[in-house]
Amino acid sequence: MDALYTAVATANGREGRAVSTDGQIDLALAMPPALGGNGQGTNPEQLFAAGYAACFASALGLVGRQAKVDTKDASVTAEVSIGKEGPGFALAVTLRVELPADLAGETGTRLVEQAHQVCPYSNATRGNIKVDLVIE
């Protein structure tokens, strides 16, 4: 891969801080209450969900432009779940893609499937974690 950009961030655990080298991210981290924490900060699953949703929406915009279809009113919500799997933990993702009424049906489905092929997050997770696409 010929890198076009490299993001750099440092974290010191689930109950510490996450900081990017450019200072754009400087967040308190905390375990969510569902995992026994106090929830007084963000967590890796929220950060992953935000990144995946933004990336997938961008990929949808790209394939929309290539197909000369306006996708600016589409939105993507990523649900990232963590759970036990074997001796460790695993993630699962549901991507809920809300399309405008004029993109309902075959055109919208095709664009979402194409976005799933070009999105870097989708490519990174493919074959590693379960990702469900839900078109709303």
N, C-alpha and C. Protein backbone atom coordinates (compact mmCIF):
# COMPACT_ATOMS: atom_id res chain seq x y z
N MET A 1 0.84 -1.18 0.00
CA MET A 1 0.00 0.00 0.00
C MET A 1 0.88 1.24 0.00
N ASP A 2 0.49 2.23 -0.79
CA ASP A 2 1.17 3.52 -0.81
C ASP A 2 0.36 4.46 0.08
N ALA A 3 0.82 4.68 1.31
CA ALA A 3 0.07 5.47 2.28
C ALA A 3 -0.11 6.91 1.81
N LEU A 4 -1.35 7.39 1.88
CA LEU A 4 -1.67 8.77 1.55
C LEU A 4 -1.71 9.65 2.80
N TYR A 5 -1.94 9.02 3.94
CA TYR A 5 -2.05 9.74 5.22
C TYR A 5 -1.87 8.72 6.33
N THR A 6 -1.26 9.12 7.42
CA THR A 6 -1.12 8.28 8.59
C THR A 6 -1.57 9.04 9.82
N ALA A 7 -2.59 8.53 10.50
CA ALA A 7 -3.05 9.10 11.76
C ALA A 7 -2.27 8.44 12.89
N VAL A 8 -1.94 9.21 13.90
CA VAL A 8 -1.18 8.68 15.03
C VAL A 8 -1.86 9.12 16.33
N ALA A 9 -2.17 8.16 17.17
CA ALA A 9 -2.76 8.44 18.48
C ALA A 9 -2.18 7.48 19.50
N THR A 10 -2.16 7.91 20.73
CA THR A 10 -1.64 7.10 21.83
C THR A 10 -2.70 6.99 22.91
N ALA A 11 -2.87 5.79 23.44
CA ALA A 11 -3.79 5.56 24.55
C ALA A 11 -3.06 4.78 25.62
N ASN A 12 -3.50 4.94 26.87
CA ASN A 12 -2.86 4.21 27.96
C ASN A 12 -3.87 3.36 28.72
N GLY A 13 -4.74 2.71 27.98
CA GLY A 13 -5.70 1.79 28.59
C GLY A 13 -7.12 2.26 28.44
N ARG A 14 -8.05 1.39 28.83
CA ARG A 14 -9.47 1.69 28.70
C ARG A 14 -9.94 2.73 29.71
N GLU A 15 -9.14 3.04 30.72
CA GLU A 15 -9.55 4.02 31.71
C GLU A 15 -8.46 5.08 31.87
N GLY A 16 -7.99 5.55 30.73
CA GLY A 16 -6.95 6.58 30.71
C GLY A 16 -7.34 7.69 29.76
N ARG A 17 -6.46 7.96 28.80
CA ARG A 17 -6.71 9.00 27.80
C ARG A 17 -6.29 8.48 26.43
N ALA A 18 -6.90 9.06 25.40
CA ALA A 18 -6.49 8.84 24.02
C ALA A 18 -6.18 10.22 23.45
N VAL A 19 -5.00 10.37 22.87
CA VAL A 19 -4.54 11.65 22.37
C VAL A 19 -3.91 11.45 20.99
N SER A 20 -4.33 12.27 20.03
CA SER A 20 -3.70 12.23 18.71
C SER A 20 -2.51 13.19 18.70
N THR A 21 -1.55 12.91 17.83
CA THR A 21 -0.35 13.74 17.79
C THR A 21 -0.63 15.17 17.35
N ASP A 22 -1.72 15.39 16.60
CA ASP A 22 -2.04 16.75 16.17
C ASP A 22 -2.93 17.48 17.17
N GLY A 23 -3.31 16.81 18.28
CA GLY A 23 -4.11 17.43 19.31
C GLY A 23 -5.60 17.51 19.02
N GLN A 24 -6.04 17.03 17.87
CA GLN A 24 -7.46 17.06 17.53
C GLN A 24 -8.28 16.13 18.41
N ILE A 25 -7.65 15.07 18.88
CA ILE A 25 -8.31 14.14 19.80
C ILE A 25 -7.56 14.19 21.12
N ASP A 26 -8.29 14.40 22.18
CA ASP A 26 -7.75 14.35 23.53
C ASP A 26 -8.93 13.99 24.43
N LEU A 27 -9.13 12.69 24.60
CA LEU A 27 -10.33 12.19 25.25
C LEU A 27 -10.04 11.36 26.48
N ALA A 28 -10.90 11.53 27.47
CA ALA A 28 -10.88 10.62 28.61
C ALA A 28 -11.50 9.30 28.16
N LEU A 29 -10.91 8.20 28.59
CA LEU A 29 -11.42 6.87 28.28
C LEU A 29 -11.98 6.24 29.54
N ALA A 30 -13.07 5.49 29.37
CA ALA A 30 -13.66 4.79 30.52
C ALA A 30 -14.41 3.56 30.02
N MET A 31 -14.45 2.56 30.86
CA MET A 31 -15.24 1.38 30.56
C MET A 31 -16.71 1.77 30.58
N PRO A 32 -17.51 1.24 29.64
CA PRO A 32 -18.94 1.53 29.69
C PRO A 32 -19.58 0.81 30.87
N PRO A 33 -20.70 1.33 31.39
CA PRO A 33 -21.37 0.67 32.50
C PRO A 33 -21.71 -0.80 32.22
N ALA A 34 -22.02 -1.12 30.97
CA ALA A 34 -22.36 -2.51 30.63
C ALA A 34 -21.19 -3.47 30.87
N LEU A 35 -19.97 -2.91 30.90
CA LEU A 35 -18.79 -3.75 31.15
C LEU A 35 -18.22 -3.50 32.55
N GLY A 36 -19.00 -2.86 33.40
CA GLY A 36 -18.58 -2.66 34.78
C GLY A 36 -17.90 -1.34 35.06
N GLY A 37 -17.85 -0.46 34.09
CA GLY A 37 -17.20 0.82 34.30
C GLY A 37 -18.17 1.92 34.71
N ASN A 38 -17.61 3.11 34.87
CA ASN A 38 -18.45 4.23 35.28
C ASN A 38 -18.99 5.03 34.10
N GLY A 39 -18.50 4.76 32.90
CA GLY A 39 -19.01 5.44 31.71
C GLY A 39 -18.62 6.90 31.63
N GLN A 40 -17.67 7.35 32.43
CA GLN A 40 -17.29 8.77 32.47
C GLN A 40 -16.21 9.09 31.44
N GLY A 41 -16.37 8.59 30.26
CA GLY A 41 -15.44 8.83 29.16
C GLY A 41 -15.90 8.00 27.98
N THR A 42 -15.23 8.18 26.89
CA THR A 42 -15.57 7.38 25.72
C THR A 42 -14.84 6.04 25.81
N ASN A 43 -15.14 5.14 24.88
CA ASN A 43 -14.49 3.84 24.88
C ASN A 43 -14.10 3.46 23.46
N PRO A 44 -13.24 2.48 23.29
CA PRO A 44 -12.76 2.11 21.96
C PRO A 44 -13.89 1.73 20.99
N GLU A 45 -14.95 1.11 21.51
CA GLU A 45 -16.04 0.71 20.63
C GLU A 45 -16.75 1.94 20.05
N GLN A 46 -16.93 2.99 20.86
CA GLN A 46 -17.53 4.23 20.36
C GLN A 46 -16.64 4.89 19.32
N LEU A 47 -15.35 4.90 19.58
CA LEU A 47 -14.42 5.49 18.63
C LEU A 47 -14.41 4.72 17.31
N PHE A 48 -14.44 3.41 17.40
CA PHE A 48 -14.47 2.57 16.20
C PHE A 48 -15.78 2.80 15.45
N ALA A 49 -16.90 2.89 16.17
CA ALA A 49 -18.20 3.12 15.54
C ALA A 49 -18.20 4.46 14.80
N ALA A 50 -17.69 5.50 15.43
CA ALA A 50 -17.66 6.82 14.80
C ALA A 50 -16.79 6.81 13.55
N GLY A 51 -15.62 6.18 13.65
CA GLY A 51 -14.72 6.11 12.50
C GLY A 51 -15.32 5.31 11.36
N TYR A 52 -15.91 4.16 11.68
CA TYR A 52 -16.48 3.30 10.64
C TYR A 52 -17.66 4.01 9.98
N ALA A 53 -18.53 4.65 10.76
CA ALA A 53 -19.69 5.35 10.18
C ALA A 53 -19.23 6.46 9.24
N ALA A 54 -18.25 7.24 9.67
CA ALA A 54 -17.76 8.34 8.83
C ALA A 54 -17.10 7.81 7.56
N CYS A 55 -16.30 6.78 7.70
CA CYS A 55 -15.60 6.21 6.56
C CYS A 55 -16.60 5.60 5.56
N PHE A 56 -17.59 4.87 6.06
CA PHE A 56 -18.56 4.24 5.18
C PHE A 56 -19.40 5.30 4.47
N ALA A 57 -19.78 6.37 5.18
CA ALA A 57 -20.54 7.45 4.55
C ALA A 57 -19.71 8.10 3.44
N SER A 58 -18.42 8.25 3.68
CA SER A 58 -17.54 8.82 2.66
C SER A 58 -17.44 7.89 1.45
N ALA A 59 -17.33 6.60 1.70
CA ALA A 59 -17.27 5.62 0.60
C ALA A 59 -18.57 5.63 -0.19
N LEU A 60 -19.70 5.77 0.50
CA LEU A 60 -20.99 5.85 -0.18
C LEU A 60 -21.04 7.10 -1.06
N GLY A 61 -20.52 8.21 -0.56
CA GLY A 61 -20.45 9.42 -1.37
C GLY A 61 -19.60 9.23 -2.61
N LEU A 62 -18.47 8.54 -2.46
CA LEU A 62 -17.59 8.28 -3.59
C LEU A 62 -18.28 7.45 -4.67
N VAL A 63 -18.88 6.34 -4.28
CA VAL A 63 -19.54 5.49 -5.29
C VAL A 63 -20.76 6.20 -5.87
N GLY A 64 -21.41 7.03 -5.06
CA GLY A 64 -22.53 7.82 -5.57
C GLY A 64 -22.07 8.79 -6.65
N ARG A 65 -20.98 9.51 -6.39
CA ARG A 65 -20.45 10.44 -7.39
C ARG A 65 -20.04 9.71 -8.66
N GLN A 66 -19.42 8.54 -8.50
CA GLN A 66 -19.00 7.78 -9.67
C GLN A 66 -20.22 7.34 -10.50
N ALA A 67 -21.33 7.05 -9.82
CA ALA A 67 -22.56 6.63 -10.51
C ALA A 67 -23.44 7.82 -10.88
N LYS A 68 -22.97 9.04 -10.57
CA LYS A 68 -23.74 10.27 -10.81
C LYS A 68 -25.09 10.24 -10.09
N VAL A 69 -25.02 9.78 -8.82
CA VAL A 69 -26.20 9.70 -7.96
C VAL A 69 -25.90 10.53 -6.71
N ASP A 70 -26.84 11.37 -6.31
CA ASP A 70 -26.66 12.24 -5.14
C ASP A 70 -26.94 11.45 -3.86
N THR A 71 -25.92 11.31 -3.03
CA THR A 71 -26.06 10.58 -1.76
C THR A 71 -25.87 11.50 -0.56
N LYS A 72 -25.89 12.82 -0.77
CA LYS A 72 -25.58 13.75 0.34
C LYS A 72 -26.57 13.66 1.49
N ASP A 73 -27.80 13.20 1.25
CA ASP A 73 -28.78 13.08 2.32
C ASP A 73 -28.78 11.71 2.99
N ALA A 74 -27.85 10.86 2.60
CA ALA A 74 -27.73 9.53 3.24
C ALA A 74 -26.97 9.69 4.56
N SER A 75 -27.22 8.81 5.50
CA SER A 75 -26.45 8.79 6.74
C SER A 75 -26.16 7.35 7.14
N VAL A 76 -25.09 7.20 7.89
CA VAL A 76 -24.65 5.87 8.32
C VAL A 76 -24.50 5.86 9.83
N THR A 77 -25.11 4.88 10.46
CA THR A 77 -24.96 4.66 11.89
C THR A 77 -24.27 3.32 12.08
N ALA A 78 -23.16 3.31 12.79
CA ALA A 78 -22.44 2.06 13.06
C ALA A 78 -22.69 1.65 14.50
N GLU A 79 -23.10 0.41 14.66
CA GLU A 79 -23.27 -0.18 15.99
C GLU A 79 -22.16 -1.21 16.17
N VAL A 80 -21.29 -0.97 17.13
CA VAL A 80 -20.16 -1.87 17.38
C VAL A 80 -20.41 -2.57 18.70
N SER A 81 -20.48 -3.88 18.64
CA SER A 81 -20.70 -4.70 19.83
C SER A 81 -19.42 -5.42 20.20
N ILE A 82 -19.21 -5.60 21.49
CA ILE A 82 -18.08 -6.39 21.99
C ILE A 82 -18.65 -7.50 22.86
N GLY A 83 -18.07 -8.66 22.74
CA GLY A 83 -18.53 -9.79 23.55
C GLY A 83 -17.45 -10.85 23.68
N LYS A 84 -17.71 -11.79 24.53
CA LYS A 84 -16.77 -12.90 24.74
C LYS A 84 -16.82 -13.83 23.54
N GLU A 85 -15.65 -14.30 23.16
CA GLU A 85 -15.54 -15.31 22.11
C GLU A 85 -14.32 -16.16 22.44
N GLY A 86 -14.58 -17.41 22.76
CA GLY A 86 -13.49 -18.27 23.18
C GLY A 86 -12.84 -17.70 24.43
N PRO A 87 -11.50 -17.72 24.49
CA PRO A 87 -10.83 -17.20 25.68
C PRO A 87 -10.71 -15.67 25.70
N GLY A 88 -11.07 -15.03 24.60
CA GLY A 88 -10.91 -13.58 24.51
C GLY A 88 -12.21 -12.87 24.20
N PHE A 89 -12.09 -11.79 23.47
CA PHE A 89 -13.23 -10.95 23.11
C PHE A 89 -13.27 -10.77 21.60
N ALA A 90 -14.44 -10.43 21.09
CA ALA A 90 -14.61 -10.20 19.66
C ALA A 90 -15.56 -9.02 19.46
N LEU A 91 -15.50 -8.48 18.26
CA LEU A 91 -16.38 -7.38 17.87
C LEU A 91 -17.33 -7.85 16.78
N ALA A 92 -18.46 -7.17 16.69
CA ALA A 92 -19.40 -7.34 15.59
C ALA A 92 -19.94 -5.96 15.26
N VAL A 93 -20.28 -5.73 14.00
CA VAL A 93 -20.73 -4.42 13.55
C VAL A 93 -22.02 -4.55 12.77
N THR A 94 -22.94 -3.64 13.02
CA THR A 94 -24.10 -3.44 12.17
C THR A 94 -24.00 -2.03 11.63
N LEU A 95 -24.02 -1.91 10.31
CA LEU A 95 -24.04 -0.60 9.66
C LEU A 95 -25.45 -0.33 9.19
N ARG A 96 -26.08 0.69 9.74
CA ARG A 96 -27.43 1.08 9.34
C ARG A 96 -27.31 2.29 8.40
N VAL A 97 -27.65 2.05 7.15
CA VAL A 97 -27.53 3.09 6.13
C VAL A 97 -28.93 3.62 5.83
N GLU A 98 -29.12 4.88 6.17
CA GLU A 98 -30.41 5.53 5.91
C GLU A 98 -30.28 6.29 4.59
N LEU A 99 -31.07 5.85 3.61
CA LEU A 99 -31.03 6.46 2.29
C LEU A 99 -32.27 7.32 2.07
N PRO A 100 -32.12 8.39 1.29
CA PRO A 100 -33.31 9.17 0.94
C PRO A 100 -34.27 8.32 0.10
N ALA A 101 -35.53 8.70 0.12
CA ALA A 101 -36.58 7.91 -0.55
C ALA A 101 -36.26 7.64 -2.02
N ASP A 102 -35.63 8.60 -2.70
CA ASP A 102 -35.36 8.40 -4.13
C ASP A 102 -34.25 7.37 -4.39
N LEU A 103 -33.58 6.91 -3.34
CA LEU A 103 -32.56 5.87 -3.51
C LEU A 103 -33.02 4.51 -2.97
N ALA A 104 -34.28 4.41 -2.64
CA ALA A 104 -34.80 3.13 -2.15
C ALA A 104 -34.74 2.10 -3.28
N GLY A 105 -34.62 0.87 -2.90
CA GLY A 105 -34.65 -0.21 -3.88
C GLY A 105 -33.28 -0.58 -4.42
N GLU A 106 -33.27 -1.02 -5.66
CA GLU A 106 -32.08 -1.61 -6.28
C GLU A 106 -30.90 -0.64 -6.36
N THR A 107 -31.14 0.60 -6.71
CA THR A 107 -30.05 1.57 -6.83
C THR A 107 -29.35 1.77 -5.49
N GLY A 108 -30.13 1.98 -4.45
CA GLY A 108 -29.55 2.18 -3.12
C GLY A 108 -28.80 0.95 -2.64
N THR A 109 -29.38 -0.21 -2.85
CA THR A 109 -28.73 -1.46 -2.44
C THR A 109 -27.40 -1.62 -3.16
N ARG A 110 -27.39 -1.35 -4.45
CA ARG A 110 -26.15 -1.48 -5.23
C ARG A 110 -25.08 -0.52 -4.72
N LEU A 111 -25.47 0.72 -4.43
CA LEU A 111 -24.50 1.70 -3.94
C LEU A 111 -23.94 1.30 -2.58
N VAL A 112 -24.78 0.81 -1.69
CA VAL A 112 -24.33 0.37 -0.36
C VAL A 112 -23.37 -0.81 -0.50
N GLU A 113 -23.69 -1.75 -1.37
CA GLU A 113 -22.80 -2.90 -1.58
C GLU A 113 -21.46 -2.46 -2.17
N GLN A 114 -21.49 -1.50 -3.09
CA GLN A 114 -20.25 -0.98 -3.67
C GLN A 114 -19.43 -0.24 -2.62
N ALA A 115 -20.10 0.55 -1.78
CA ALA A 115 -19.40 1.26 -0.71
C ALA A 115 -18.71 0.27 0.22
N HIS A 116 -19.36 -0.86 0.47
CA HIS A 116 -18.79 -1.89 1.35
C HIS A 116 -17.53 -2.49 0.74
N GLN A 117 -17.41 -2.44 -0.57
CA GLN A 117 -16.21 -2.97 -1.24
C GLN A 117 -15.06 -1.98 -1.22
N VAL A 118 -15.35 -0.67 -1.19
CA VAL A 118 -14.26 0.32 -1.25
C VAL A 118 -13.91 0.94 0.10
N CYS A 119 -14.79 0.85 1.08
CA CYS A 119 -14.52 1.44 2.39
C CYS A 119 -13.33 0.76 3.06
N PRO A 120 -12.30 1.52 3.47
CA PRO A 120 -11.14 0.91 4.12
C PRO A 120 -11.49 0.14 5.39
N TYR A 121 -12.47 0.63 6.17
CA TYR A 121 -12.86 -0.09 7.38
C TYR A 121 -13.50 -1.43 7.00
N SER A 122 -14.33 -1.44 5.98
CA SER A 122 -14.94 -2.69 5.53
C SER A 122 -13.86 -3.66 5.06
N ASN A 123 -12.88 -3.13 4.33
CA ASN A 123 -11.81 -4.00 3.85
C ASN A 123 -10.96 -4.53 5.00
N ALA A 124 -10.76 -3.72 6.02
CA ALA A 124 -9.97 -4.16 7.18
C ALA A 124 -10.69 -5.21 8.01
N THR A 125 -12.02 -5.13 8.07
CA THR A 125 -12.78 -6.05 8.91
C THR A 125 -13.23 -7.30 8.17
N ARG A 126 -13.26 -7.25 6.85
CA ARG A 126 -13.78 -8.36 6.05
C ARG A 126 -13.05 -9.67 6.40
N GLY A 127 -13.82 -10.66 6.78
CA GLY A 127 -13.26 -11.96 7.14
C GLY A 127 -12.76 -12.02 8.57
N ASN A 128 -12.74 -10.89 9.27
CA ASN A 128 -12.26 -10.85 10.64
C ASN A 128 -13.39 -10.72 11.65
N ILE A 129 -14.36 -9.86 11.34
CA ILE A 129 -15.50 -9.70 12.23
C ILE A 129 -16.77 -9.66 11.39
N LYS A 130 -17.87 -10.00 12.03
CA LYS A 130 -19.16 -10.00 11.34
C LYS A 130 -19.62 -8.56 11.15
N VAL A 131 -19.95 -8.20 9.90
CA VAL A 131 -20.48 -6.87 9.58
C VAL A 131 -21.79 -7.07 8.84
N ASP A 132 -22.87 -6.57 9.42
CA ASP A 132 -24.18 -6.63 8.79
C ASP A 132 -24.53 -5.28 8.21
N LEU A 133 -25.02 -5.27 6.98
CA LEU A 133 -25.48 -4.04 6.33
C LEU A 133 -27.00 -4.02 6.41
N VAL A 134 -27.55 -2.93 6.94
CA VAL A 134 -29.00 -2.77 7.04
C VAL A 134 -29.33 -1.46 6.32
N ILE A 135 -30.16 -1.54 5.30
CA ILE A 135 -30.58 -0.35 4.56
C ILE A 135 -31.95 0.06 5.07
N GLU A 136 -32.02 1.32 5.50
CA GLU A 136 -33.28 1.82 6.07
C GLU A 136 -33.83 2.94 5.22
